[in-house]
Amino acid sequence: MSEISGLGPAIDALSSANKYKKDDKSPNELGQDAFLQLMISQLKNQDPLSPQDNGEFVSQLAQFSSVEGLDKLNNNFDSFANKFVSNQALQASSMVGRTVTVPGKTTALEPGGIVTTSADLPAGASNFTLAIYKNNGGLAQTIDFAKVEGDELKLAWNGRDAVVNGKAIDIPESFKGVDPGIYTFKLSALVDGKRTELDNNVTANVNSVTLGKNGTLTLNLAGAGSVSLSDVKEINE
């Protein structure tokens, strides 16, 4: 009879537990308040002729302490993660208006600006050609140069003139240059006697920064689209 008479308070406690879980939007978790209510209800409605063993209560209390400790640990970790993401967002926002180097071939030439394209060079590469295309696909300019010292190429371009690893390239005087806009840079070279297109990077201005729901940071670049902060190879002055 004691077990049957004890169902009412136990059901009430379970109802409170369900309400707690619903309000907390955590259907798979039993909160601390609901845990205590269930244990108190169990104490009130135990059979006085056959009380529950003290060891079981100690075990339950130990479980409660463990759950409470894990909950505090989770809260501390969430707080740390939120602060870390906020710090990242502040650092990323400081890059707005600066230029970054990212993998890709397309970027925007701003009025009076300079765009740099770079690439790691395979051994023996020579006879380089940089073909620069307009946004509509038309060829804007072709720049040829025979050799590059070292295993990395950096070419700076202002819409007409080009400098490769600190050395100016001769441009025909008849070429008057191109207007600011979005351009695609395709770099190729002779590698083992074959004309090979190389993977290259470009510089781009950071227009804005987006913080994703999962804490990811995305840089929105002029002419180069959106890239993850982790993909940035270099932050330029």
Foldseek 3Di string as FASTA:
>chain_A
DLVVVLVVQLVVLVVVQCVVCVVVVNVVDGDLVSLVSNVVSCQVRADPVDGDDPVVVVVSVVVSVVVVVVVVVVVVVVVVVVVVLVVVQVVVQVQAQFKFKFWFFKEWQDVVHKKKKKAFADPPWFFKKKFKAAPVGHTQDIFTDTDDPDRMWIWMDNQFWIAIPNRTGDGDPVRPGDDITMMGIWMWTQDPNDIGTGTMIMMWHFNGWDQDPVSWIWTQTGTPGIDTPVRTPGTDD
